[in-house]
Amino acid sequence: MTVLCLVELDGTGAADASLRALTFAREVAAPGDQLAAAVFGEAGVLAGGAQAGEALAAYGVTDAYVIEPGQLAGYAPLAWARVLAGLASQTGADAVLAAGTDRGSEVMAHLGALTGQPMAANCVSAARSAPGSDGAGMWQIVRQRWAGLLLEDAVLEASPALATVATDTVAPTPAGAPATLTVHAHPPELADGDLAVRATESVTRSGGVSLATARVVVGGGRGVGGPDGFAPLEELAKLLGGVVGVSRVVTSEGWRPHKQQVGQTGTKITPELYLACGISGAIQHIAGCASAKHIVAVNSDAAAPILSHAEYAVIGDLHKVIPALVDAIKARGRSA
């Protein structure tokens, strides 16, 4: 049997969310199963010594099927799903997985529609029933519901099983020993209309640490006061080797781009430290930051909801607290 996993690229490397999905896929695979990956990108990213290729081998992938931009340019969710359906049939996959990202969720939903199979979203664990048992062909799964606020035990009866992985609960873990990776050029077989919806994009990487993978996130909310109020937060994030995240109201006001939003309708983060500044802590925001290892809140409102989720809190004006913290870190650096 084969477990097939959609692997998204981040520049020339495998996206962190996909590495987490591969970790999940490896745990789902039974002894002797093959772990295969579908990659939409240049074949060169999987060539010998390439970052993505080395990562896939390290995570136990034995076969990678590459669909190059010359054959399918840009992001086309229905076309990607059509390719996955063909690969699932070709490889005899009994499970097809993807990270629970915007793309992974959209492509897997299309795949469910194409194959007529149910798709389980945001899974945190999955195990197939033992061969020969009354539940043969069924999967015991646990998945997140209500933005991760509760876990649901369910049975998935499907062949192949289709699922997305709740990546905020799965740590990226390489296999014990790297696999021998074989790369296959896979020509897509598409149907009319598969490319009706397609997003073309630049392959230039923006660089820096992404919000989803940062070890430190400095968050700013309405209390920052406006676009200019983020300068101290940017400086603090840089000193800590992290990135800036924001609440939904900040993006609604147009102060910062949506890609920086933390929350149910933004990015779920899993940093070592989340420093929330001037953020009240609506339930939708907590859904995006609850997996942070440590939450520290800076807020002038001692009754702000986020304080009940914070490990530490500073009750005070962030416009005084953050510059003071920046100065203290710089002073410590000078004296080191």
Protein backbone atom coordinates (compact mmCIF):
# COMPACT_ATOMS: atom_id res chain seq x y z
CA MET A 1 0.00 0.00 0.00
CA THR A 2 0.99 3.62 -0.48
CA VAL A 3 0.27 6.77 1.51
CA LEU A 4 0.34 9.77 -0.83
CA CYS A 5 0.96 13.26 0.54
CA LEU A 6 0.66 16.62 -1.21
CA VAL A 7 3.84 18.61 -0.47
CA GLU A 8 3.74 22.38 -0.87
CA LEU A 9 6.90 24.36 -1.54
CA ASP A 10 8.18 27.42 0.30
CA GLY A 11 10.64 28.89 -2.18
CA THR A 12 13.04 26.04 -2.95
CA GLY A 13 12.27 24.05 0.19
CA ALA A 14 9.36 21.99 1.47
CA ALA A 15 6.90 24.10 3.47
CA ASP A 16 6.96 23.50 7.23
CA ALA A 17 3.26 22.59 7.20
CA SER A 18 3.97 19.88 4.61
CA LEU A 19 6.81 18.46 6.71
CA ARG A 20 4.32 18.15 9.55
CA ALA A 21 1.88 16.43 7.18
CA LEU A 22 4.65 14.01 6.13
CA THR A 23 5.31 13.23 9.79
CA PHE A 24 1.60 12.42 10.18
CA ALA A 25 1.61 10.37 6.96
CA ARG A 26 4.58 8.32 8.14
CA GLU A 27 2.75 7.49 11.36
CA VAL A 28 -0.36 6.51 9.38
CA ALA A 29 1.58 4.20 7.07
CA ALA A 30 1.68 0.55 8.06
CA PRO A 31 5.01 -1.34 8.17
CA GLY A 32 6.10 -1.99 4.61
CA ASP A 33 3.93 0.78 3.13
CA GLN A 34 5.45 3.28 0.72
CA LEU A 35 5.35 7.01 1.46
CA ALA A 36 4.97 9.04 -1.74
CA ALA A 37 4.79 12.79 -2.35
CA ALA A 38 3.17 14.91 -5.05
CA VAL A 39 5.06 18.15 -5.74
CA PHE A 40 3.93 20.93 -8.07
CA GLY A 41 7.14 22.73 -9.01
CA GLU A 42 10.42 22.54 -10.87
CA ALA A 43 12.07 19.12 -10.87
CA GLY A 44 15.31 20.83 -9.85
CA VAL A 45 14.02 21.44 -6.32
CA LEU A 46 14.21 17.68 -5.76
CA ALA A 47 17.54 17.10 -7.50
CA GLY A 48 20.47 15.62 -5.61
CA GLY A 49 21.55 17.96 -2.83
CA ALA A 50 18.52 20.26 -3.23
CA GLN A 51 16.90 21.43 -0.01
CA ALA A 52 13.43 20.06 -0.77
CA GLY A 53 14.75 16.73 -2.02
CA GLU A 54 16.88 16.22 1.07
CA ALA A 55 13.91 17.12 3.30
CA LEU A 56 11.60 14.61 1.60
CA ALA A 57 14.21 11.85 1.94
CA ALA A 58 14.79 12.77 5.58
CA TYR A 59 11.07 12.45 6.28
CA GLY A 60 10.85 8.97 4.73
CA VAL A 61 9.53 9.71 1.23
CA THR A 62 10.60 7.01 -1.24
CA ASP A 63 8.88 8.31 -4.39
CA ALA A 64 8.23 11.91 -5.39
CA TYR A 65 6.01 12.74 -8.37
CA VAL A 66 6.82 16.16 -9.82
CA ILE A 67 4.40 18.16 -11.94
CA GLU A 68 6.45 20.95 -13.51
CA PRO A 69 5.19 24.48 -14.27
CA GLY A 70 5.75 23.88 -17.98
CA GLN A 71 2.94 21.33 -17.84
CA LEU A 72 0.74 22.98 -15.21
CA ALA A 73 1.67 26.56 -14.37
CA GLY A 74 0.36 28.38 -11.32
CA TYR A 75 -2.05 27.17 -8.68
CA ALA A 76 -5.19 25.52 -10.09
CA PRO A 77 -7.04 23.70 -7.28
CA LEU A 78 -9.26 21.52 -9.49
CA ALA A 79 -6.33 20.58 -11.73
CA TRP A 80 -4.17 19.74 -8.71
CA ALA A 81 -6.97 17.54 -7.36
CA ARG A 82 -7.27 15.81 -10.75
CA VAL A 83 -3.55 15.03 -10.65
CA LEU A 84 -3.82 13.65 -7.11
CA ALA A 85 -6.73 11.44 -8.17
CA GLY A 86 -4.64 10.03 -11.00
CA LEU A 87 -1.64 9.47 -8.75
CA ALA A 88 -3.77 7.78 -6.11
CA SER A 89 -5.01 5.34 -8.72
CA GLN A 90 -1.55 4.85 -10.26
CA THR A 91 0.20 4.18 -6.95
CA GLY A 92 -2.63 2.21 -5.33
CA ALA A 93 -2.75 4.72 -2.48
CA ASP A 94 -5.13 3.84 0.32
CA ALA A 95 -4.72 7.30 1.87
CA VAL A 96 -4.15 10.76 0.39
CA LEU A 97 -3.13 13.50 2.82
CA ALA A 98 -2.32 17.20 2.74
CA ALA A 99 -1.48 19.88 5.27
CA GLY A 100 -4.51 21.78 6.55
CA THR A 101 -3.41 24.97 4.79
CA ASP A 102 -5.65 27.07 2.56
CA ARG A 103 -4.35 25.23 -0.49
CA GLY A 104 -4.30 21.80 1.07
CA SER A 105 -7.89 22.14 2.29
CA GLU A 106 -9.14 23.47 -1.05
CA VAL A 107 -7.42 20.82 -3.16
CA MET A 108 -8.55 17.97 -0.90
CA ALA A 109 -12.15 19.22 -1.01
CA HIS A 110 -11.99 19.10 -4.82
CA LEU A 111 -10.44 15.62 -4.62
CA GLY A 112 -13.34 14.44 -2.47
CA ALA A 113 -15.79 15.77 -5.05
CA LEU A 114 -13.91 14.10 -7.92
CA THR A 115 -13.66 10.70 -6.25
CA GLY A 116 -16.99 10.72 -4.44
CA GLN A 117 -15.20 9.99 -1.16
CA PRO A 118 -15.65 11.81 2.17
CA MET A 119 -12.81 14.06 3.28
CA ALA A 120 -11.87 14.43 6.96
CA ALA A 121 -10.45 17.85 7.78
CA ASN A 122 -7.99 18.89 10.50
CA CYS A 123 -7.03 15.41 11.69
CA VAL A 124 -4.67 14.98 14.64
CA SER A 125 -4.46 11.18 14.43
CA ALA A 126 -5.62 8.38 12.16
CA ALA A 127 -5.31 4.60 12.19
CA ARG A 128 -6.67 2.04 9.74
CA SER A 129 -8.62 -0.91 11.09
CA ALA A 130 -6.73 -4.18 11.23
CA PRO A 131 -6.94 -6.39 8.11
CA GLY A 132 -9.56 -9.07 8.47
CA SER A 133 -11.42 -7.22 11.20
CA ASP A 134 -15.09 -6.29 11.00
CA GLY A 135 -14.03 -2.72 10.40
CA ALA A 136 -11.73 -3.44 7.46
CA GLY A 137 -11.58 -0.45 5.12
CA MET A 138 -12.40 1.94 7.95
CA TRP A 139 -10.19 4.49 9.67
CA GLN A 140 -10.38 5.59 13.29
CA ILE A 141 -9.65 9.30 13.31
CA VAL A 142 -9.45 12.17 15.76
CA ARG A 143 -9.92 15.62 14.33
CA GLN A 144 -10.29 19.20 15.47
CA ARG A 145 -13.69 20.86 15.47
CA TRP A 146 -14.74 24.41 16.24
CA ALA A 147 -11.33 25.88 15.36
CA GLY A 148 -9.55 23.37 17.57
CA LEU A 149 -11.62 24.01 20.68
CA LEU A 150 -12.72 20.37 20.85
CA LEU A 151 -11.61 17.00 19.47
CA GLU A 152 -13.96 14.61 17.71
CA ASP A 153 -13.54 10.82 17.56
CA ALA A 154 -14.92 9.55 14.27
CA VAL A 155 -14.86 6.66 11.83
CA LEU A 156 -13.92 7.37 8.22
CA GLU A 157 -15.04 4.74 5.72
CA ALA A 158 -13.36 5.50 2.41
CA SER A 159 -11.00 4.09 -0.19
CA PRO A 160 -8.78 5.94 -0.50
CA ALA A 161 -9.05 7.82 2.78
CA LEU A 162 -8.79 11.58 2.22
CA ALA A 163 -7.70 13.89 5.04
CA THR A 164 -6.00 17.15 5.91
CA VAL A 165 -3.64 17.38 8.86
CA ALA A 166 -4.09 19.87 11.70
CA THR A 167 -0.48 20.97 11.54
CA ASP A 168 -0.54 22.98 14.77
CA THR A 169 -0.68 19.71 16.73
CA VAL A 170 1.91 17.72 14.76
CA ALA A 171 5.60 18.47 15.27
CA PRO A 172 7.83 18.07 12.18
CA THR A 173 9.91 14.97 12.91
CA PRO A 174 12.34 13.37 10.44
CA ALA A 175 12.47 9.62 10.07
CA GLY A 176 15.13 7.63 11.89
CA ALA A 177 17.16 7.22 8.70
CA PRO A 178 16.80 9.03 5.35
CA ALA A 179 14.99 7.11 2.61
CA THR A 180 16.32 6.62 -0.89
CA LEU A 181 14.27 9.13 -2.90
CA THR A 182 13.25 8.38 -6.48
CA VAL A 183 11.92 11.36 -8.45
CA HIS A 184 9.34 10.78 -11.20
CA ALA A 185 8.30 13.38 -13.77
CA HIS A 186 4.52 13.10 -13.84
CA PRO A 187 2.58 14.50 -16.85
CA PRO A 188 -0.84 15.74 -15.74
CA GLU A 189 -3.98 14.37 -17.38
CA LEU A 190 -6.61 17.08 -17.11
CA ALA A 191 -10.24 17.48 -18.09
CA ASP A 192 -11.91 20.42 -19.77
CA GLY A 193 -12.47 23.20 -17.28
CA ASP A 194 -9.79 22.11 -14.83
CA LEU A 195 -7.86 25.30 -15.52
CA ALA A 196 -10.86 27.64 -15.47
CA VAL A 197 -9.76 28.83 -12.02
CA ARG A 198 -6.02 29.35 -11.82
CA ALA A 199 -3.76 31.73 -9.91
CA THR A 200 -0.44 32.58 -11.51
CA GLU A 201 2.20 33.86 -9.15
CA SER A 202 5.80 34.97 -8.83
CA VAL A 203 8.29 32.30 -7.81
CA THR A 204 10.37 34.90 -6.00
CA ARG A 205 10.60 34.13 -2.30
CA SER A 206 9.90 37.01 0.02
CA GLY A 207 12.53 35.74 2.44
CA GLY A 208 12.58 35.82 6.20
CA VAL A 209 10.78 33.65 8.73
CA SER A 210 7.13 32.88 8.02
CA LEU A 211 4.37 33.58 10.53
CA ALA A 212 3.35 29.91 10.61
CA THR A 213 6.85 28.66 11.49
CA ALA A 214 8.33 31.52 13.57
CA ARG A 215 9.65 30.64 17.02
CA VAL A 216 8.75 34.14 18.27
CA VAL A 217 5.72 36.19 17.23
CA VAL A 218 5.10 39.75 18.43
CA GLY A 219 1.40 40.46 17.99
CA GLY A 220 -0.27 43.83 17.71
CA GLY A 221 -3.96 44.71 18.01
CA ARG A 222 -6.19 47.75 18.10
CA GLY A 223 -4.24 49.06 21.10
CA VAL A 224 -1.24 49.76 18.85
CA GLY A 225 -3.21 52.78 17.67
CA GLY A 226 -2.48 52.81 13.95
CA PRO A 227 0.00 51.85 11.23
CA ASP A 228 2.82 53.94 12.72
CA GLY A 229 2.44 52.22 16.08
CA PHE A 230 3.94 48.99 14.74
CA ALA A 231 7.48 50.37 14.42
CA PRO A 232 8.48 49.39 18.02
CA LEU A 233 6.91 45.95 17.53
CA GLU A 234 8.88 45.46 14.32
CA GLU A 235 12.08 46.42 16.13
CA LEU A 236 11.33 44.06 19.03
CA ALA A 237 10.52 41.19 16.68
CA LYS A 238 13.80 41.72 14.85
CA LEU A 239 15.78 41.71 18.10
CA LEU A 240 14.08 38.45 19.15
CA GLY A 241 14.51 36.80 15.76
CA GLY A 242 10.76 36.68 15.22
CA VAL A 243 7.99 38.19 13.13
CA VAL A 244 5.03 40.49 13.65
CA GLY A 245 1.48 39.13 13.74
CA VAL A 246 -1.77 41.07 14.06
CA SER A 247 -5.39 40.69 15.11
CA ARG A 248 -8.30 40.74 12.67
CA VAL A 249 -9.29 44.33 13.47
CA VAL A 250 -5.84 45.51 12.38
CA THR A 251 -6.28 44.01 8.91
CA SER A 252 -9.89 45.25 8.74
CA GLU A 253 -8.63 48.79 9.36
CA GLY A 254 -6.05 48.35 6.62
CA TRP A 255 -3.11 48.92 8.97
CA ARG A 256 -1.36 45.65 8.05
CA PRO A 257 -1.83 42.96 5.35
CA HIS A 258 -4.03 39.91 5.90
CA LYS A 259 -1.04 37.56 5.59
CA GLN A 260 0.05 38.77 9.04
CA GLN A 261 -3.29 37.98 10.71
CA VAL A 262 -3.28 35.46 13.54
CA GLY A 263 -6.59 33.74 14.20
CA GLN A 264 -9.34 31.47 12.98
CA THR A 265 -9.59 33.30 9.65
CA GLY A 266 -5.85 33.99 9.52
CA THR A 267 -2.80 31.89 10.38
CA LYS A 268 -2.56 29.39 13.23
CA ILE A 269 0.78 29.85 14.95
CA THR A 270 2.87 27.52 17.13
CA PRO A 271 5.75 29.65 18.42
CA GLU A 272 7.80 29.21 21.55
CA LEU A 273 6.74 32.74 22.55
CA TYR A 274 3.74 34.83 21.55
CA LEU A 275 3.92 38.40 22.86
CA ALA A 276 0.44 39.89 22.41
CA CYS A 277 0.42 43.69 22.58
CA GLY A 278 -2.81 45.65 22.74
CA ILE A 279 -4.88 42.59 21.74
CA SER A 280 -8.13 42.01 23.62
CA GLY A 281 -8.24 38.28 22.82
CA ALA A 282 -11.48 37.46 21.01
CA ILE A 283 -12.21 33.75 20.71
CA GLN A 284 -11.33 33.79 17.00
CA HIS A 285 -7.88 35.17 17.80
CA ILE A 286 -7.30 32.66 20.59
CA ALA A 287 -8.10 29.87 18.11
CA GLY A 288 -5.04 30.97 16.14
CA CYS A 289 -2.56 31.40 18.99
CA ALA A 290 -3.64 28.78 21.56
CA SER A 291 -0.87 26.40 20.47
CA ALA A 292 1.88 28.86 21.40
CA LYS A 293 4.10 27.38 24.11
CA HIS A 294 4.19 30.62 26.09
CA ILE A 295 1.82 33.60 25.79
CA VAL A 296 2.77 36.95 27.29
CA ALA A 297 0.21 39.78 27.14
CA VAL A 298 0.83 43.52 27.32
CA ASN A 299 -2.45 45.35 27.81
CA SER A 300 -3.74 48.41 29.63
CA ASP A 301 -7.04 46.62 30.37
CA ALA A 302 -6.72 44.29 33.35
CA ALA A 303 -9.99 42.62 32.29
CA ALA A 304 -8.96 41.84 28.71
CA PRO A 305 -9.93 38.22 27.82
CA ILE A 306 -6.45 37.38 26.57
CA LEU A 307 -5.09 37.66 30.11
CA SER A 308 -6.89 34.44 31.03
CA HIS A 309 -4.86 32.63 28.36
CA ALA A 310 -1.53 34.31 29.08
CA GLU A 311 1.21 32.75 31.18
CA TYR A 312 2.46 36.22 32.08
CA ALA A 313 0.87 39.66 31.72
CA VAL A 314 2.05 43.25 31.92
CA ILE A 315 -0.74 45.69 32.73
CA GLY A 316 0.37 48.95 31.22
CA ASP A 317 0.70 51.17 28.16
CA LEU A 318 2.37 49.19 25.37
CA HIS A 319 3.77 52.46 23.96
CA LYS A 320 5.89 52.67 27.11
CA VAL A 321 6.40 48.96 27.83
CA ILE A 322 7.64 47.89 24.37
CA PRO A 323 10.23 50.70 23.91
CA ALA A 324 11.51 49.99 27.42
CA LEU A 325 11.82 46.29 26.57
CA VAL A 326 13.65 47.14 23.34
CA ASP A 327 16.09 49.37 25.23
CA ALA A 328 16.69 46.66 27.84
CA ILE A 329 17.46 44.03 25.18
CA LYS A 330 19.84 46.39 23.40
CA ALA A 331 21.58 47.27 26.66
CA ARG A 332 22.02 43.62 27.49
CA GLY A 333 23.48 43.03 24.05
CA ARG A 334 26.00 45.83 24.50
CA SER A 335 27.11 44.49 27.87
CA ALA A 336 27.45 40.89 26.69
